[in-house]
Amino acid sequence: MLLSGWRALYRKGRGNWIDWAILGILAAVSLNVAWVAFAQSNPRAAILFALFALGGASMVVQEIKDLQRPYDGLAEGWLTRHVAA
């Protein structure tokens, strides 16, 4: 998530390979955290892991939308995008 926010500062146009690689890593981490959530015996821990996985999954969806459209850092509110990520 930190790398995605950092890349928001430097991305021009559509995302390049590093942006998609970061997205893939985030998706893999989110899936693994979801799997860990199901493996928890403590309900409180399971809920916390599940919420983290849902946050990561929602960020993956948002990143896919952002990477598919042209992006001009200054015109599209790069600071908001950077802080949100």
PDB file of N, CA and C in Angstrom:
ATOM      1  N   MET A   1       0.831  -1.182   0.000  1.00  0.00           N
ATOM      2  CA  MET A   1       0.000   0.000   0.000  1.00  0.00           C
ATOM      3  C   MET A   1       0.879   1.251   0.000  1.00  0.00           C
ATOM      4  N   LEU A   2       1.976   1.172   0.745  1.00  0.00           N
ATOM      5  CA  LEU A   2       2.903   2.296   0.790  1.00  0.00           C
ATOM      6  C   LEU A   2       3.527   2.543  -0.580  1.00  0.00           C
ATOM      7  N   LEU A   3       3.908   1.481  -1.278  1.00  0.00           N
ATOM      8  CA  LEU A   3       4.495   1.646  -2.606  1.00  0.00           C
ATOM      9  C   LEU A   3       3.506   2.255  -3.592  1.00  0.00           C
ATOM     10  N   SER A   4       2.248   1.881  -3.480  1.00  0.00           N
ATOM     11  CA  SER A   4       1.231   2.437  -4.363  1.00  0.00           C
ATOM     12  C   SER A   4       1.088   3.941  -4.139  1.00  0.00           C
ATOM     13  N   GLY A   5       1.098   4.360  -2.885  1.00  0.00           N
ATOM     14  CA  GLY A   5       1.031   5.787  -2.588  1.00  0.00           C
ATOM     15  C   GLY A   5       2.253   6.531  -3.083  1.00  0.00           C
ATOM     16  N   TRP A   6       3.421   5.906  -2.974  1.00  0.00           N
ATOM     17  CA  TRP A   6       4.658   6.520  -3.452  1.00  0.00           C
ATOM     18  C   TRP A   6       4.617   6.659  -4.965  1.00  0.00           C
ATOM     19  N   ARG A   7       4.111   5.629  -5.662  1.00  0.00           N
ATOM     20  CA  ARG A   7       4.038   5.673  -7.117  1.00  0.00           C
ATOM     21  C   ARG A   7       3.048   6.728  -7.608  1.00  0.00           C
ATOM     22  N   ALA A   8       2.064   7.090  -6.798  1.00  0.00           N
ATOM     23  CA  ALA A   8       1.104   8.125  -7.199  1.00  0.00           C
ATOM     24  C   ALA A   8       1.812   9.454  -7.435  1.00  0.00           C
ATOM     25  N   LEU A   9       2.944   9.651  -6.793  1.00  0.00           N
ATOM     26  CA  LEU A   9       3.691  10.892  -6.987  1.00  0.00           C
ATOM     27  C   LEU A   9       4.377  10.949  -8.342  1.00  0.00           C
ATOM     28  N   TYR A  10       4.746   9.796  -8.884  1.00  0.00           N
ATOM     29  CA  TYR A  10       5.596   9.768 -10.066  1.00  0.00           C
ATOM     30  C   TYR A  10       4.927   9.214 -11.316  1.00  0.00           C
ATOM     31  N   ARG A  11       3.721   8.682 -11.190  1.00  0.00           N
ATOM     32  CA  ARG A  11       3.081   8.042 -12.338  1.00  0.00           C
ATOM     33  C   ARG A  11       2.600   9.078 -13.336  1.00  0.00           C
ATOM     34  N   LYS A  12       2.904   8.836 -14.593  1.00  0.00           N
ATOM     35  CA  LYS A  12       2.442   9.683 -15.698  1.00  0.00           C
ATOM     36  C   LYS A  12       1.702   8.782 -16.678  1.00  0.00           C
ATOM     37  N   GLY A  13       0.570   9.250 -17.180  1.00  0.00           N
ATOM     38  CA  GLY A  13      -0.199   8.453 -18.129  1.00  0.00           C
ATOM     39  C   GLY A  13      -0.755   7.201 -17.466  1.00  0.00           C
ATOM     40  N   ARG A  14      -0.888   6.148 -18.230  1.00  0.00           N
ATOM     41  CA  ARG A  14      -1.344   4.877 -17.671  1.00  0.00           C
ATOM     42  C   ARG A  14      -0.178   4.239 -16.917  1.00  0.00           C
ATOM     43  N   GLY A  15      -0.485   3.361 -16.006  1.00  0.00           N
ATOM     44  CA  GLY A  15       0.561   2.725 -15.217  1.00  0.00           C
ATOM     45  C   GLY A  15       1.499   1.883 -16.064  1.00  0.00           C
ATOM     46  N   ASN A  16       2.746   1.790 -15.638  1.00  0.00           N
ATOM     47  CA  ASN A  16       3.684   0.918 -16.340  1.00  0.00           C
ATOM     48  C   ASN A  16       3.832  -0.394 -15.563  1.00  0.00           C
ATOM     49  N   TRP A  17       4.815  -1.192 -15.894  1.00  0.00           N
ATOM     50  CA  TRP A  17       4.916  -2.535 -15.335  1.00  0.00           C
ATOM     51  C   TRP A  17       5.083  -2.526 -13.817  1.00  0.00           C
ATOM     52  N   ILE A  18       5.788  -1.551 -13.264  1.00  0.00           N
ATOM     53  CA  ILE A  18       6.002  -1.550 -11.809  1.00  0.00           C
ATOM     54  C   ILE A  18       4.692  -1.281 -11.056  1.00  0.00           C
ATOM     55  N   ASP A  19       3.831  -0.455 -11.630  1.00  0.00           N
ATOM     56  CA  ASP A  19       2.540  -0.199 -11.004  1.00  0.00           C
ATOM     57  C   ASP A  19       1.690  -1.468 -10.972  1.00  0.00           C
ATOM     58  N   TRP A  20       1.713  -2.230 -12.067  1.00  0.00           N
ATOM     59  CA  TRP A  20       0.958  -3.477 -12.117  1.00  0.00           C
ATOM     60  C   TRP A  20       1.580  -4.532 -11.212  1.00  0.00           C
ATOM     61  N   ALA A  21       2.918  -4.517 -11.081  1.00  0.00           N
ATOM     62  CA  ALA A  21       3.580  -5.467 -10.182  1.00  0.00           C
ATOM     63  C   ALA A  21       3.212  -5.181  -8.729  1.00  0.00           C
ATOM     64  N   ILE A  22       3.184  -3.907  -8.359  1.00  0.00           N
ATOM     65  CA  ILE A  22       2.778  -3.526  -7.002  1.00  0.00           C
ATOM     66  C   ILE A  22       1.339  -3.968  -6.750  1.00  0.00           C
ATOM     67  N   LEU A  23       0.490  -3.795  -7.744  1.00  0.00           N
ATOM     68  CA  LEU A  23      -0.901  -4.218  -7.626  1.00  0.00           C
ATOM     69  C   LEU A  23      -1.003  -5.732  -7.437  1.00  0.00           C
ATOM     70  N   GLY A  24      -0.204  -6.484  -8.179  1.00  0.00           N
ATOM     71  CA  GLY A  24      -0.199  -7.938  -8.025  1.00  0.00           C
ATOM     72  C   GLY A  24       0.268  -8.379  -6.648  1.00  0.00           C
ATOM     73  N   ILE A  25       1.275  -7.709  -6.130  1.00  0.00           N
ATOM     74  CA  ILE A  25       1.768  -8.024  -4.792  1.00  0.00           C
ATOM     75  C   ILE A  25       0.693  -7.722  -3.750  1.00  0.00           C
ATOM     76  N   LEU A  26       0.024  -6.599  -3.898  1.00  0.00           N
ATOM     77  CA  LEU A  26      -1.044  -6.242  -2.963  1.00  0.00           C
ATOM     78  C   LEU A  26      -2.182  -7.252  -3.014  1.00  0.00           C
ATOM     79  N   ALA A  27      -2.540  -7.693  -4.212  1.00  0.00           N
ATOM     80  CA  ALA A  27      -3.602  -8.695  -4.350  1.00  0.00           C
ATOM     81  C   ALA A  27      -3.193 -10.007  -3.682  1.00  0.00           C
ATOM     82  N   ALA A  28      -1.942 -10.422  -3.878  1.00  0.00           N
ATOM     83  CA  ALA A  28      -1.462 -11.664  -3.265  1.00  0.00           C
ATOM     84  C   ALA A  28      -1.440 -11.564  -1.744  1.00  0.00           C
ATOM     85  N   VAL A  29      -0.994 -10.436  -1.225  1.00  0.00           N
ATOM     86  CA  VAL A  29      -0.969 -10.251   0.231  1.00  0.00           C
ATOM     87  C   VAL A  29      -2.393 -10.256   0.787  1.00  0.00           C
ATOM     88  N   SER A  30      -3.309  -9.599   0.100  1.00  0.00           N
ATOM     89  CA  SER A  30      -4.700  -9.562   0.565  1.00  0.00           C
ATOM     90  C   SER A  30      -5.317 -10.959   0.593  1.00  0.00           C
ATOM     91  N   LEU A  31      -5.040 -11.760  -0.425  1.00  0.00           N
ATOM     92  CA  LEU A  31      -5.550 -13.130  -0.447  1.00  0.00           C
ATOM     93  C   LEU A  31      -4.953 -13.965   0.682  1.00  0.00           C
ATOM     94  N   ASN A  32      -3.668 -13.803   0.930  1.00  0.00           N
ATOM     95  CA  ASN A  32      -3.030 -14.548   2.012  1.00  0.00           C
ATOM     96  C   ASN A  32      -3.565 -14.133   3.380  1.00  0.00           C
ATOM     97  N   VAL A  33      -3.806 -12.854   3.563  1.00  0.00           N
ATOM     98  CA  VAL A  33      -4.357 -12.384   4.833  1.00  0.00           C
ATOM     99  C   VAL A  33      -5.784 -12.898   5.012  1.00  0.00           C
ATOM    100  N   ALA A  34      -6.544 -12.962   3.925  1.00  0.00           N
ATOM    101  CA  ALA A  34      -7.895 -13.533   4.015  1.00  0.00           C
ATOM    102  C   ALA A  34      -7.830 -14.999   4.413  1.00  0.00           C
ATOM    103  N   TRP A  35      -6.878 -15.727   3.865  1.00  0.00           N
ATOM    104  CA  TRP A  35      -6.705 -17.138   4.234  1.00  0.00           C
ATOM    105  C   TRP A  35      -6.322 -17.265   5.706  1.00  0.00           C
ATOM    106  N   VAL A  36      -5.455 -16.390   6.178  1.00  0.00           N
ATOM    107  CA  VAL A  36      -5.073 -16.393   7.599  1.00  0.00           C
ATOM    108  C   VAL A  36      -6.291 -16.081   8.466  1.00  0.00           C
ATOM    109  N   ALA A  37      -7.165 -15.207   8.012  1.00  0.00           N
ATOM    110  CA  ALA A  37      -8.365 -14.862   8.781  1.00  0.00           C
ATOM    111  C   ALA A  37      -9.243 -16.091   8.995  1.00  0.00           C
ATOM    112  N   PHE A  38      -9.374 -16.912   7.962  1.00  0.00           N
ATOM    113  CA  PHE A  38     -10.192 -18.122   8.096  1.00  0.00           C
ATOM    114  C   PHE A  38      -9.528 -19.167   8.993  1.00  0.00           C
ATOM    115  N   ALA A  39      -8.222 -19.112   9.129  1.00  0.00           N
ATOM    116  CA  ALA A  39      -7.496 -20.102   9.923  1.00  0.00           C
ATOM    117  C   ALA A  39      -7.430 -19.734  11.410  1.00  0.00           C
ATOM    118  N   GLN A  40      -7.898 -18.551  11.783  1.00  0.00           N
ATOM    119  CA  GLN A  40      -7.810 -18.099  13.169  1.00  0.00           C
ATOM    120  C   GLN A  40      -8.851 -18.787  14.041  1.00  0.00           C
ATOM    121  N   SER A  41      -8.433 -19.175  15.233  1.00  0.00           N
ATOM    122  CA  SER A  41      -9.389 -19.741  16.187  1.00  0.00           C
ATOM    123  C   SER A  41     -10.008 -18.646  17.054  1.00  0.00           C
ATOM    124  N   ASN A  42      -9.316 -17.537  17.201  1.00  0.00           N
ATOM    125  CA  ASN A  42      -9.808 -16.401  17.981  1.00  0.00           C
ATOM    126  C   ASN A  42     -10.704 -15.542  17.074  1.00  0.00           C
ATOM    127  N   PRO A  43     -11.985 -15.381  17.395  1.00  0.00           N
ATOM    128  CA  PRO A  43     -12.887 -14.603  16.529  1.00  0.00           C
ATOM    129  C   PRO A  43     -12.462 -13.147  16.350  1.00  0.00           C
ATOM    130  N   ARG A  44     -11.925 -12.548  17.394  1.00  0.00           N
ATOM    131  CA  ARG A  44     -11.488 -11.149  17.291  1.00  0.00           C
ATOM    132  C   ARG A  44     -10.342 -11.015  16.284  1.00  0.00           C
ATOM    133  N   ALA A  45      -9.393 -11.911  16.362  1.00  0.00           N
ATOM    134  CA  ALA A  45      -8.272 -11.883  15.407  1.00  0.00           C
ATOM    135  C   ALA A  45      -8.771 -12.156  13.994  1.00  0.00           C
ATOM    136  N   ALA A  46      -9.710 -13.080  13.857  1.00  0.00           N
ATOM    137  CA  ALA A  46     -10.246 -13.401  12.534  1.00  0.00           C
ATOM    138  C   ALA A  46     -10.919 -12.189  11.915  1.00  0.00           C
ATOM    139  N   ILE A  47     -11.665 -11.448  12.704  1.00  0.00           N
ATOM    140  CA  ILE A  47     -12.341 -10.250  12.197  1.00  0.00           C
ATOM    141  C   ILE A  47     -11.325  -9.195  11.785  1.00  0.00           C
ATOM    142  N   LEU A  48     -10.294  -8.998  12.584  1.00  0.00           N
ATOM    143  CA  LEU A  48      -9.280  -7.997  12.248  1.00  0.00           C
ATOM    144  C   LEU A  48      -8.534  -8.362  10.970  1.00  0.00           C
ATOM    145  N   PHE A  49      -8.158  -9.628  10.831  1.00  0.00           N
ATOM    146  CA  PHE A  49      -7.501 -10.058   9.602  1.00  0.00           C
ATOM    147  C   PHE A  49      -8.430  -9.912   8.404  1.00  0.00           C
ATOM    148  N   ALA A  50      -9.697 -10.257   8.579  1.00  0.00           N
ATOM    149  CA  ALA A  50     -10.664 -10.147   7.485  1.00  0.00           C
ATOM    150  C   ALA A  50     -10.858  -8.689   7.063  1.00  0.00           C
ATOM    151  N   LEU A  51     -10.914  -7.782   8.034  1.00  0.00           N
ATOM    152  CA  LEU A  51     -11.053  -6.361   7.693  1.00  0.00           C
ATOM    153  C   LEU A  51      -9.837  -5.845   6.938  1.00  0.00           C
ATOM    154  N   PHE A  52      -8.652  -6.296   7.334  1.00  0.00           N
ATOM    155  CA  PHE A  52      -7.435  -5.906   6.619  1.00  0.00           C
ATOM    156  C   PHE A  52      -7.481  -6.431   5.186  1.00  0.00           C
ATOM    157  N   ALA A  53      -7.925  -7.685   5.024  1.00  0.00           N
ATOM    158  CA  ALA A  53      -8.023  -8.274   3.682  1.00  0.00           C
ATOM    159  C   ALA A  53      -9.044  -7.532   2.830  1.00  0.00           C
ATOM    160  N   LEU A  54     -10.172  -7.150   3.419  1.00  0.00           N
ATOM    161  CA  LEU A  54     -11.178  -6.386   2.669  1.00  0.00           C
ATOM    162  C   LEU A  54     -10.652  -5.019   2.253  1.00  0.00           C
ATOM    163  N   GLY A  55      -9.900  -4.377   3.132  1.00  0.00           N
ATOM    164  CA  GLY A  55      -9.295  -3.088   2.776  1.00  0.00           C
ATOM    165  C   GLY A  55      -8.317  -3.228   1.624  1.00  0.00           C
ATOM    166  N   GLY A  56      -7.511  -4.281   1.670  1.00  0.00           N
ATOM    167  CA  GLY A  56      -6.573  -4.526   0.579  1.00  0.00           C
ATOM    168  C   GLY A  56      -7.296  -4.832  -0.725  1.00  0.00           C
ATOM    169  N   ALA A  57      -8.362  -5.621  -0.647  1.00  0.00           N
ATOM    170  CA  ALA A  57      -9.129  -5.959  -1.853  1.00  0.00           C
ATOM    171  C   ALA A  57      -9.784  -4.722  -2.453  1.00  0.00           C
ATOM    172  N   SER A  58     -10.310  -3.846  -1.606  1.00  0.00           N
ATOM    173  CA  SER A  58     -10.923  -2.625  -2.138  1.00  0.00           C
ATOM    174  C   SER A  58      -9.877  -1.719  -2.768  1.00  0.00           C
ATOM    175  N   MET A  59      -8.679  -1.717  -2.212  1.00  0.00           N
ATOM    176  CA  MET A  59      -7.613  -0.916  -2.806  1.00  0.00           C
ATOM    177  C   MET A  59      -7.182  -1.510  -4.147  1.00  0.00           C
ATOM    178  N   VAL A  60      -7.186  -2.837  -4.264  1.00  0.00           N
ATOM    179  CA  VAL A  60      -6.861  -3.481  -5.542  1.00  0.00           C
ATOM    180  C   VAL A  60      -7.861  -3.054  -6.609  1.00  0.00           C
ATOM    181  N   VAL A  61      -9.140  -3.064  -6.274  1.00  0.00           N
ATOM    182  CA  VAL A  61     -10.173  -2.655  -7.235  1.00  0.00           C
ATOM    183  C   VAL A  61      -9.975  -1.203  -7.647  1.00  0.00           C
ATOM    184  N   GLN A  62      -9.709  -0.327  -6.694  1.00  0.00           N
ATOM    185  CA  GLN A  62      -9.500   1.087  -7.007  1.00  0.00           C
ATOM    186  C   GLN A  62      -8.247   1.285  -7.860  1.00  0.00           C
ATOM    187  N   GLU A  63      -7.187   0.545  -7.553  1.00  0.00           N
ATOM    188  CA  GLU A  63      -5.953   0.650  -8.331  1.00  0.00           C
ATOM    189  C   GLU A  63      -6.168   0.201  -9.768  1.00  0.00           C
ATOM    190  N   ILE A  64      -6.937  -0.868  -9.964  1.00  0.00           N
ATOM    191  CA  ILE A  64      -7.214  -1.328 -11.325  1.00  0.00           C
ATOM    192  C   ILE A  64      -7.930  -0.229 -12.106  1.00  0.00           C
ATOM    193  N   LYS A  65      -8.906   0.411 -11.483  1.00  0.00           N
ATOM    194  CA  LYS A  65      -9.620   1.516 -12.151  1.00  0.00           C
ATOM    195  C   LYS A  65      -8.666   2.657 -12.468  1.00  0.00           C
ATOM    196  N   ASP A  66      -7.791   3.000 -11.519  1.00  0.00           N
ATOM    197  CA  ASP A  66      -6.868   4.108 -11.739  1.00  0.00           C
ATOM    198  C   ASP A  66      -5.841   3.797 -12.818  1.00  0.00           C
ATOM    199  N   LEU A  67      -5.360   2.558 -12.864  1.00  0.00           N
ATOM    200  CA  LEU A  67      -4.322   2.214 -13.830  1.00  0.00           C
ATOM    201  C   LEU A  67      -4.863   2.053 -15.244  1.00  0.00           C
ATOM    202  N   GLN A  68      -6.149   1.874 -15.403  1.00  0.00           N
ATOM    203  CA  GLN A  68      -6.721   1.708 -16.733  1.00  0.00           C
ATOM    204  C   GLN A  68      -7.037   3.022 -17.419  1.00  0.00           C
ATOM    205  N   ARG A  69      -7.031   4.108 -16.697  1.00  0.00           N
ATOM    206  CA  ARG A  69      -7.340   5.384 -17.340  1.00  0.00           C
ATOM    207  C   ARG A  69      -6.104   6.263 -17.332  1.00  0.00           C
ATOM    208  N   PRO A  70      -5.976   7.148 -18.307  1.00  0.00           N
ATOM    209  CA  PRO A  70      -4.829   8.059 -18.337  1.00  0.00           C
ATOM    210  C   PRO A  70      -4.786   8.908 -17.069  1.00  0.00           C
ATOM    211  N   TYR A  71      -3.611   9.220 -16.624  1.00  0.00           N
ATOM    212  CA  TYR A  71      -3.428   9.913 -15.355  1.00  0.00           C
ATOM    213  C   TYR A  71      -2.414  11.025 -15.533  1.00  0.00           C
ATOM    214  N   ASP A  72      -2.837  12.240 -15.242  1.00  0.00           N
ATOM    215  CA  ASP A  72      -1.924  13.373 -15.200  1.00  0.00           C
ATOM    216  C   ASP A  72      -1.846  13.794 -13.749  1.00  0.00           C
ATOM    217  N   GLY A  73      -0.716  13.554 -13.118  1.00  0.00           N
ATOM    218  CA  GLY A  73      -0.578  13.741 -11.684  1.00  0.00           C
ATOM    219  C   GLY A  73      -1.136  15.039 -11.143  1.00  0.00           C
ATOM    220  N   LEU A  74      -0.829  16.165 -11.761  1.00  0.00           N
ATOM    221  CA  LEU A  74      -1.287  17.435 -11.220  1.00  0.00           C
ATOM    222  C   LEU A  74      -2.753  17.698 -11.525  1.00  0.00           C
ATOM    223  N   ALA A  75      -3.215  17.298 -12.690  1.00  0.00           N
ATOM    224  CA  ALA A  75      -4.596  17.581 -13.076  1.00  0.00           C
ATOM    225  C   ALA A  75      -5.592  16.700 -12.315  1.00  0.00           C
ATOM    226  N   GLU A  76      -5.187  15.533 -11.894  1.00  0.00           N
ATOM    227  CA  GLU A  76      -6.105  14.587 -11.260  1.00  0.00           C
ATOM    228  C   GLU A  76      -6.027  14.596  -9.728  1.00  0.00           C
ATOM    229  N   GLY A  77      -5.389  15.563  -9.151  1.00  0.00           N
ATOM    230  CA  GLY A  77      -5.308  15.617  -7.696  1.00  0.00           C
ATOM    231  C   GLY A  77      -4.328  14.591  -7.144  1.00  0.00           C
ATOM    232  N   TRP A  78      -3.071  14.680  -7.544  1.00  0.00           N
ATOM    233  CA  TRP A  78      -2.074  13.695  -7.148  1.00  0.00           C
ATOM    234  C   TRP A  78      -1.903  13.627  -5.642  1.00  0.00           C
ATOM    235  N   LEU A  79      -2.066  14.751  -4.943  1.00  0.00           N
ATOM    236  CA  LEU A  79      -1.880  14.736  -3.498  1.00  0.00           C
ATOM    237  C   LEU A  79      -2.961  13.908  -2.814  1.00  0.00           C
ATOM    238  N   THR A  80      -4.193  14.056  -3.266  1.00  0.00           N
ATOM    239  CA  THR A  80      -5.289  13.258  -2.699  1.00  0.00           C
ATOM    240  C   THR A  80      -5.047  11.782  -2.966  1.00  0.00           C
ATOM    241  N   ARG A  81      -4.633  11.439  -4.169  1.00  0.00           N
ATOM    242  CA  ARG A  81      -4.360  10.055  -4.537  1.00  0.00           C
ATOM    243  C   ARG A  81      -3.209   9.489  -3.708  1.00  0.00           C
ATOM    244  N   HIS A  82      -2.172  10.304  -3.530  1.00  0.00           N
ATOM    245  CA  HIS A  82      -1.007   9.873  -2.762  1.00  0.00           C
ATOM    246  C   HIS A  82      -1.361   9.626  -1.301  1.00  0.00           C
ATOM    247  N   VAL A  83      -2.070  10.545  -0.675  1.00  0.00           N
ATOM    248  CA  VAL A  83      -2.439  10.418   0.737  1.00  0.00           C
ATOM    249  C   VAL A  83      -3.431   9.273   0.937  1.00  0.00           C
ATOM    250  N   ALA A  84      -4.378   9.123   0.013  1.00  0.00           N
ATOM    251  CA  ALA A  84      -5.344   8.036   0.127  1.00  0.00           C
ATOM    252  C   ALA A  84      -4.670   6.674   0.052  1.00  0.00           C
ATOM    253  N   ALA A  85      -3.694   6.547  -0.815  1.00  0.00           N
ATOM    254  CA  ALA A  85      -2.999   5.257  -0.944  1.00  0.00           C
ATOM    255  C   ALA A  85      -2.078   5.057   0.237  1.00  0.00           C
TER     256      ALA A  85
END
